Protein backbone atom coordinates (compact mmCIF):
# COMPACT_ATOMS: atom_id res chain seq x y z
CA UNK A 1 28.88 31.97 -11.98
CA UNK A 2 27.17 32.41 -8.63
CA UNK A 3 25.56 35.66 -9.77
CA UNK A 4 24.27 33.92 -12.89
CA UNK A 5 22.75 31.12 -10.77
CA UNK A 6 21.21 33.65 -8.37
CA UNK A 7 19.74 35.50 -11.33
CA UNK A 8 18.06 32.36 -12.59
CA UNK A 9 16.64 31.66 -9.13
CA UNK A 10 15.22 35.20 -8.85
CA UNK A 11 13.76 35.01 -12.36
CA UNK A 12 12.13 31.66 -11.59
CA UNK A 13 10.69 33.07 -8.37
CA UNK A 14 9.03 36.00 -10.13
CA UNK A 15 7.84 33.72 -12.92
CA UNK A 16 6.09 31.57 -10.32
CA UNK A 17 4.49 34.65 -8.74
CA UNK A 18 3.24 35.80 -12.13
CA UNK A 19 1.92 32.35 -12.89
CA UNK A 20 0.07 32.26 -9.59
CA UNK A 21 -1.53 35.66 -10.24
CA UNK A 22 -2.74 34.63 -13.67
CA UNK A 23 -4.02 31.29 -12.39
CA UNK A 24 -6.03 32.94 -9.62
CA UNK A 25 -7.78 35.07 -12.23
CA UNK A 26 -8.81 31.98 -14.15
CA UNK A 27 -9.46 29.84 -11.05
CA UNK A 28 -12.66 27.89 -11.34
CA UNK A 29 -14.39 25.10 -9.48
CA UNK A 30 -13.94 21.55 -10.74
CA UNK A 31 -16.95 19.84 -9.29
CA UNK A 32 -19.57 19.83 -6.59
CA UNK A 33 -18.12 19.49 -3.09
CA UNK A 34 -21.24 17.53 -2.16
CA UNK A 35 -20.46 14.97 -4.87
CA UNK A 36 -16.82 14.76 -3.83
CA UNK A 37 -17.81 14.16 -0.18
CA UNK A 38 -20.19 11.42 -1.33
CA UNK A 39 -17.44 9.68 -3.32
CA UNK A 40 -14.71 9.89 -0.66
CA UNK A 41 -14.51 7.58 2.39
CA UNK A 42 -14.13 10.47 4.86
CA UNK A 43 -14.11 14.28 5.09
CA UNK A 44 -10.32 14.56 5.17
CA UNK A 45 -10.01 12.67 1.87
CA UNK A 46 -12.79 14.80 0.39
CA UNK A 47 -11.04 18.06 1.27
CA UNK A 48 -7.72 16.76 -0.11
CA UNK A 49 -9.39 15.67 -3.33
CA UNK A 50 -11.16 19.02 -3.76
CA UNK A 51 -7.88 20.93 -3.35
CA UNK A 52 -6.13 18.64 -5.84
CA UNK A 53 -8.91 19.07 -8.40
CA UNK A 54 -9.29 22.81 -7.98
CA UNK A 55 -5.68 23.93 -7.56
CA UNK A 56 -5.01 26.43 -10.38
CA UNK A 57 -2.89 25.27 -13.29
CA UNK A 58 -1.64 22.29 -11.34
CA UNK A 59 0.10 20.69 -14.33
CA UNK A 60 2.00 23.91 -15.04
CA UNK A 61 3.25 24.02 -11.45
CA UNK A 62 4.44 20.42 -11.76
CA UNK A 63 6.20 21.13 -15.04
CA UNK A 64 7.98 24.27 -13.81
CA UNK A 65 9.05 22.62 -10.57
CA UNK A 66 10.41 19.64 -12.50
CA UNK A 67 12.44 21.84 -14.86
CA UNK A 68 14.02 23.73 -11.97
CA UNK A 69 14.83 20.51 -10.08
CA UNK A 70 16.40 18.90 -13.16
CA UNK A 71 18.50 22.02 -13.71
CA UNK A 72 19.85 21.89 -10.16
CA UNK A 73 20.31 18.11 -10.18
CA UNK A 74 18.06 17.54 -7.18
CA UNK A 75 16.61 14.04 -6.76
CA UNK A 76 15.54 13.84 -3.12
CA UNK A 77 12.18 15.39 -2.19
CA UNK A 78 11.62 14.92 1.52
CA UNK A 79 11.58 11.13 1.94
CA UNK A 80 11.04 10.44 -1.78
CA UNK A 81 13.93 9.73 -4.14
CA UNK A 82 13.73 10.02 -7.94
CA UNK A 83 15.56 7.26 -9.80
CA UNK A 84 15.72 7.17 -13.60
CA UNK A 85 12.18 5.88 -14.03
CA UNK A 86 10.40 5.83 -10.67
CA UNK A 87 9.84 7.48 -7.31
CA UNK A 88 10.96 5.47 -4.29
CA UNK A 89 10.12 6.25 -0.67
CA UNK A 90 13.19 6.14 1.58
CA UNK A 91 11.91 5.69 5.13
CA UNK A 92 14.50 6.83 7.67
CA UNK A 93 12.08 6.49 10.59
CA UNK A 94 12.37 2.69 10.79
CA UNK A 95 13.48 1.48 14.19
CA UNK A 96 15.10 -1.84 15.02
CA UNK A 97 13.95 -1.42 18.62
CA UNK A 98 10.37 -0.96 17.46
CA UNK A 99 10.72 -3.99 15.19
CA UNK A 100 11.95 -6.13 18.10
CA UNK A 101 9.02 -4.95 20.22
CA UNK A 102 6.51 -5.74 17.47
CA UNK A 103 8.02 -9.20 16.99
CA UNK A 104 7.42 -9.75 20.71
CA UNK A 105 3.73 -8.88 20.24
CA UNK A 106 3.45 -11.39 17.40
CA UNK A 107 5.19 -14.02 19.50
CA UNK A 108 2.74 -13.31 22.31
CA UNK A 109 -0.14 -13.86 19.90
CA UNK A 110 1.36 -17.20 18.89
CA UNK A 111 1.65 -18.22 22.55
CA UNK A 112 -2.04 -17.57 23.12
CA UNK A 113 -3.61 -19.43 20.20
CA UNK A 114 -3.59 -22.99 18.98
CA UNK A 115 -3.96 -21.97 15.33
CA UNK A 116 -0.78 -22.20 13.21
CA UNK A 117 0.75 -18.76 12.54
CA UNK A 118 2.70 -17.55 9.53
CA UNK A 119 4.49 -14.27 8.94
CA UNK A 120 5.33 -12.50 5.69
CA UNK A 121 7.33 -9.28 5.83
CA UNK A 122 7.42 -7.66 2.41
CA UNK A 123 10.15 -5.39 1.04
CA UNK A 124 9.07 -2.01 -0.30
CA UNK A 125 10.39 -0.64 -3.60
CA UNK A 126 13.34 0.84 -1.69
CA UNK A 127 14.38 -2.65 -0.67
CA UNK A 128 14.13 -4.13 -4.16
CA UNK A 129 15.57 -1.15 -6.08
CA UNK A 130 18.13 -0.15 -3.44
CA UNK A 131 20.97 -0.40 -5.97
CA UNK A 132 19.54 2.70 -7.67
CA UNK A 133 19.54 4.80 -4.49
CA UNK A 134 22.68 6.48 -3.05
CA UNK A 135 24.13 4.45 -0.21
CA UNK A 136 24.13 7.54 2.04
CA UNK A 137 20.32 7.54 1.97
CA UNK A 138 20.00 3.86 2.80
CA UNK A 139 20.34 2.45 6.29
CA UNK A 140 20.38 -1.24 7.00
CA UNK A 141 19.16 -3.19 3.99
CA UNK A 142 15.57 -4.38 4.09
CA UNK A 143 16.69 -7.91 3.37
CA UNK A 144 18.83 -7.87 6.50
CA UNK A 145 16.02 -6.37 8.56
CA UNK A 146 13.56 -9.03 7.39
CA UNK A 147 16.02 -11.82 8.14
CA UNK A 148 16.74 -10.35 11.59
CA UNK A 149 13.01 -10.20 12.32
CA UNK A 150 12.50 -13.81 11.26
CA UNK A 151 15.38 -14.95 13.49
CA UNK A 152 13.49 -13.59 16.52
CA UNK A 153 10.21 -15.33 15.76
CA UNK A 154 8.79 -17.97 18.07
CA UNK A 155 9.48 -21.43 16.66
CA UNK A 156 5.73 -21.94 16.19
CA UNK A 157 5.64 -19.15 13.59
CA UNK A 158 6.58 -20.06 10.02
CA UNK A 159 8.29 -17.30 8.04
CA UNK A 160 7.58 -16.67 4.34
CA UNK A 161 10.21 -15.24 2.00
CA UNK A 162 8.69 -12.48 -0.13
CA UNK A 163 12.01 -10.77 -0.85
CA UNK A 164 13.48 -13.29 -3.28
CA UNK A 165 10.46 -13.62 -5.62
CA UNK A 166 10.02 -9.83 -5.78
CA UNK A 167 13.73 -9.14 -6.27
CA UNK A 168 13.92 -11.80 -8.96
CA UNK A 169 11.05 -10.11 -10.81
CA UNK A 170 12.22 -6.53 -10.25
CA UNK A 171 12.48 -5.86 -14.00
CA UNK A 172 8.77 -6.58 -14.28
CA UNK A 173 5.91 -4.33 -13.15
CA UNK A 174 5.92 -5.38 -9.48
CA UNK A 175 5.82 -1.92 -7.82
CA UNK A 176 4.06 1.27 -8.82
CA UNK A 177 6.32 4.06 -10.03
CA UNK A 178 4.39 6.82 -8.26
CA UNK A 179 2.76 5.05 -5.29
CA UNK A 180 4.46 3.33 -2.34
CA UNK A 181 2.76 -0.04 -2.89
CA UNK A 182 3.22 -3.19 -4.89
CA UNK A 183 1.12 -3.80 -7.98
CA UNK A 184 -1.17 -6.76 -8.58
CA UNK A 185 1.77 -8.44 -10.32
CA UNK A 186 4.05 -7.97 -7.33
CA UNK A 187 1.33 -9.27 -5.03
CA UNK A 188 0.90 -12.29 -7.31
CA UNK A 189 4.56 -13.32 -6.98
CA UNK A 190 4.31 -13.09 -3.19
CA UNK A 191 1.01 -14.98 -3.27
CA UNK A 192 2.60 -17.88 -5.15
CA UNK A 193 5.38 -18.15 -2.57
CA UNK A 194 3.13 -17.71 0.45
CA UNK A 195 0.29 -20.01 -0.54
CA UNK A 196 2.73 -22.91 -0.90
CA UNK A 197 3.96 -22.32 2.65
CA UNK A 198 0.32 -22.16 3.77
CA UNK A 199 -0.20 -25.64 2.32
CA UNK A 200 -1.99 -24.90 -0.98
CA UNK A 201 -1.06 -24.85 -4.67
CA UNK A 202 -1.03 -21.43 -6.39
CA UNK A 203 -3.33 -20.64 -9.28
CA UNK A 204 -1.50 -19.67 -12.46
CA UNK A 205 -2.16 -16.33 -14.16
CA UNK A 206 -3.77 -18.27 -17.00
CA UNK A 207 -6.71 -18.81 -14.64
CA UNK A 208 -7.45 -15.07 -14.61
CA UNK A 209 -8.70 -12.41 -16.96
CA UNK A 210 -6.71 -9.22 -16.56
CA UNK A 211 -8.64 -5.95 -16.46
CA UNK A 212 -7.10 -2.49 -16.70
CA UNK A 213 -9.13 -0.66 -14.07
CA UNK A 214 -7.12 2.54 -14.59
CA UNK A 215 -4.46 3.17 -17.23
CA UNK A 216 -3.22 6.67 -16.32
CA UNK A 217 -2.70 6.64 -12.58
CA UNK A 218 -0.44 8.99 -10.64
CA UNK A 219 -0.09 8.09 -6.97
CA UNK A 220 0.55 9.87 -3.71
CA UNK A 221 4.34 10.09 -4.12
CA UNK A 222 3.87 11.91 -7.42
CA UNK A 223 1.66 14.52 -5.76
CA UNK A 224 4.06 14.96 -2.85
CA UNK A 225 7.31 15.12 -4.80
CA UNK A 226 5.85 17.30 -7.58
CA UNK A 227 8.00 15.62 -10.22
CA UNK A 228 6.57 15.35 -13.70
CA UNK A 229 7.84 13.45 -16.72
CA UNK A 230 7.34 9.98 -15.23
CA UNK A 231 5.25 7.42 -17.08
CA UNK A 232 1.85 6.99 -15.47
CA UNK A 233 1.04 3.86 -13.53
CA UNK A 234 -1.82 1.50 -14.25
CA UNK A 235 -4.04 -0.41 -11.86
CA UNK A 236 -4.71 -3.99 -12.89
CA UNK A 237 -7.25 -6.35 -11.36
CA UNK A 238 -7.56 -10.08 -11.98
CA UNK A 239 -10.83 -11.98 -12.21
CA UNK A 240 -11.22 -15.74 -12.31
CA UNK A 241 -12.00 -17.03 -15.81
CA UNK A 242 -14.21 -19.78 -14.43
CA UNK A 243 -16.19 -18.50 -11.48
CA UNK A 244 -15.47 -15.99 -8.75
CA UNK A 245 -15.80 -17.77 -5.40
CA UNK A 246 -16.57 -14.50 -3.56
CA UNK A 247 -20.14 -14.44 -2.23
CA UNK A 248 -20.00 -11.40 0.03
CA UNK A 249 -17.66 -8.89 1.63
CA UNK A 250 -18.42 -7.16 4.93
CA UNK A 251 -16.31 -4.18 6.01
CA UNK A 252 -16.60 -2.95 9.60
CA UNK A 253 -15.37 0.09 11.50
CA UNK A 254 -17.17 0.66 14.78
CA UNK A 255 -20.86 0.96 13.89
CA UNK A 256 -20.09 1.62 10.23
CA UNK A 257 -20.76 -1.51 8.16
CA UNK A 258 -20.34 -1.71 4.38
CA UNK A 259 -21.42 -4.76 2.37
CA UNK A 260 -20.46 -5.73 -1.17
CA UNK A 261 -20.28 -8.74 -3.46
CA UNK A 262 -16.74 -8.16 -4.76
CA UNK A 263 -13.23 -7.57 -3.42
CA UNK A 264 -12.87 -4.76 -5.95
CA UNK A 265 -14.50 -1.39 -5.17
CA UNK A 266 -14.47 0.58 -8.42
CA UNK A 267 -16.07 3.58 -6.73
CA UNK A 268 -12.59 4.25 -5.29
CA UNK A 269 -11.39 5.20 -8.76
CA UNK A 270 -13.46 8.40 -8.43
CA UNK A 271 -11.61 9.38 -5.25
CA UNK A 272 -8.09 10.62 -4.53
CA UNK A 273 -7.10 7.14 -3.23
CA UNK A 274 -7.33 5.03 -6.39
CA UNK A 275 -5.65 1.97 -4.89
CA UNK A 276 -8.57 1.72 -2.44
CA UNK A 277 -10.17 -0.27 -5.25
CA UNK A 278 -8.64 -3.21 -3.36
CA UNK A 279 -10.99 -3.79 -0.41
CA UNK A 280 -11.30 -0.06 0.38
CA UNK A 281 -7.68 0.24 1.46
CA UNK A 282 -7.10 0.95 5.14
CA UNK A 283 -10.40 2.63 5.96
CA UNK A 284 -11.94 -0.29 7.87
CA UNK A 285 -10.82 -2.14 10.98
CA UNK A 286 -12.17 -5.52 9.95
CA UNK A 287 -12.96 -7.15 6.63
CA UNK A 288 -14.78 -10.50 6.30
CA UNK A 289 -14.78 -12.22 2.91
CA UNK A 290 -17.12 -15.20 2.46
CA UNK A 291 -16.34 -17.53 -0.42
CA UNK A 292 -18.30 -20.33 -2.04
CA UNK A 293 -15.75 -23.01 -1.16
CA UNK A 294 -17.39 -25.41 1.30
CA UNK A 295 -14.92 -27.62 3.13
CA UNK A 296 -12.00 -25.23 2.56
CA UNK A 297 -10.01 -23.82 5.49
CA UNK A 298 -10.34 -20.33 6.99
CA UNK A 299 -7.69 -17.61 7.16
CA UNK A 300 -7.16 -14.68 9.54
CA UNK A 301 -4.81 -11.93 8.32
CA UNK A 302 -3.26 -9.33 10.61
CA UNK A 303 -2.68 -6.70 7.99
CA UNK A 304 -0.67 -3.74 6.86
CA UNK A 305 -1.47 -1.80 3.68
CA UNK A 306 0.19 -4.31 1.35
CA UNK A 307 -2.35 -7.00 2.29
CA UNK A 308 -5.25 -5.42 0.39
CA UNK A 309 -3.77 -6.18 -3.03
CA UNK A 310 -2.85 -9.82 -2.35
CA UNK A 311 -6.07 -10.97 -0.68
CA UNK A 312 -8.05 -11.36 -3.96
CA UNK A 313 -5.70 -14.24 -4.86
CA UNK A 314 -6.29 -15.95 -1.51
CA UNK A 315 -10.06 -16.07 -2.15
CA UNK A 316 -9.47 -19.11 -4.38
CA UNK A 317 -8.35 -21.17 -1.36
CA UNK A 318 -10.39 -20.24 1.74
CA UNK A 319 -14.08 -20.32 2.50
CA UNK A 320 -13.66 -17.35 4.83
CA UNK A 321 -10.94 -14.72 5.06
CA UNK A 322 -10.88 -12.12 7.80
CA UNK A 323 -8.50 -9.16 7.75
CA UNK A 324 -7.92 -7.10 10.89
CA UNK A 325 -6.03 -3.80 10.81
CA UNK A 326 -4.18 -3.06 14.08
CA UNK A 327 -4.25 0.67 13.23
CA UNK A 328 -8.03 0.40 13.21
CA UNK A 329 -7.98 -1.43 16.54
CA UNK A 330 -5.88 1.38 18.01
CA UNK A 331 -8.25 4.04 16.65
CA UNK A 332 -11.24 2.25 18.19
CA UNK A 333 -9.42 1.45 21.44
CA UNK A 334 -10.03 -2.28 21.06
CA UNK A 335 -7.89 -5.38 21.39
CA UNK A 336 -7.86 -8.13 18.78
CA UNK A 337 -9.97 -10.44 20.97
CA UNK A 338 -12.79 -7.88 20.95
CA UNK A 339 -13.33 -8.13 17.20
CA UNK A 340 -12.28 -11.71 16.37
CA UNK A 341 -11.40 -15.05 17.99
CA UNK A 342 -8.09 -16.26 16.47
CA UNK A 343 -8.78 -19.84 17.55
CA UNK A 344 -11.71 -19.99 15.13
CA UNK A 345 -9.36 -19.89 12.13
CA UNK A 346 -7.35 -22.68 10.54
CA UNK A 347 -4.46 -20.36 9.63
CA UNK A 348 -3.25 -16.95 10.84
CA UNK A 349 -1.05 -14.79 8.62
CA UNK A 350 0.72 -11.62 9.78
CA UNK A 351 1.37 -9.61 6.60
CA UNK A 352 3.19 -6.26 6.66
CA UNK A 353 5.73 -4.40 4.60
CA UNK A 354 8.96 -4.15 6.58
CA UNK A 355 8.87 -0.33 6.83
CA UNK A 356 5.38 -0.25 8.35
CA UNK A 357 6.16 -3.15 10.67
CA UNK A 358 9.26 -1.35 11.93
CA UNK A 359 7.38 1.87 12.68
CA UNK A 360 3.94 0.70 13.82
CA UNK A 361 2.67 1.60 17.29
CA UNK A 362 -0.46 -0.53 16.89
CA UNK A 363 0.66 -4.14 17.28
CA UNK A 364 0.33 -3.87 21.03
CA UNK A 365 -3.41 -4.30 20.37
CA UNK A 366 -2.86 -7.94 19.29
CA UNK A 367 -4.09 -9.16 22.67
């Protein structure tokens, strides 16, 4: 039996070599590198995109790899686990010590501002679909970690439960199958819960027109795990049926300033980072959104990646929303007080997924 298995492995190896040789012969360019650089936010993304577009017979490689993996029964690819219908990132680098330290930084922020502070730690797909992942791959449950974090918060900080609404809706399309992010639907459920805690009433989905920005989307986990056969994702955006309150959006990173009149950047759909359609993802340190809502309060968000998708819903409630990315602060060597004054805002919301919050080295810049 072992010889038979070894024979299959050897045959597959030489088949891959032959495939590579043939593909090199028919290798051809898939677009101008100048155009790709113009579409991408930075050179690193441009190079990645060019490789992805030009790699010979990419779909064949995916298909062959998938067949071999299914034959051997493998489901774990690095930190990505394949369930029956989705890829889920299993982050084993989370640290309770780091989480405790980051809670201390948030508490310090609360001690140095008069503005009311709220915190929403969001479960990733691994937290919501943990029942479909072998227990040996899972550490402490995300629900426990979120509860432990909230127990350590300063009494001035109000916690927001995002776990229950997302877990209750887990049979709906609340997380992408091939990208480690929540969808617009998942963000909507968290928005409804959070906006009530923030003192406002949520807008119902009937107030929005749904637009399918992209219907055949395969995310970063798909590219990394090289597993085919999964249904593609779709990227949905929601626009107010009555009138969009957004007047202008200003994105800032050092001396680089980008202005727009929408929270949706469709140019991102031409890049390798499709989900950057939501406020250009994590490429900017600061984002100011000005809305035509005179007399409404203002909101400052200390953000992780999950914040980009939920902010469009908040535009219906605040005349100004500012997002600050601590990773951007770290890259620029700046503290929070150098880019924004927290006391100028009526509300402050710290919004992270629990994995990122428990691994981040950037919250020390919340000074």
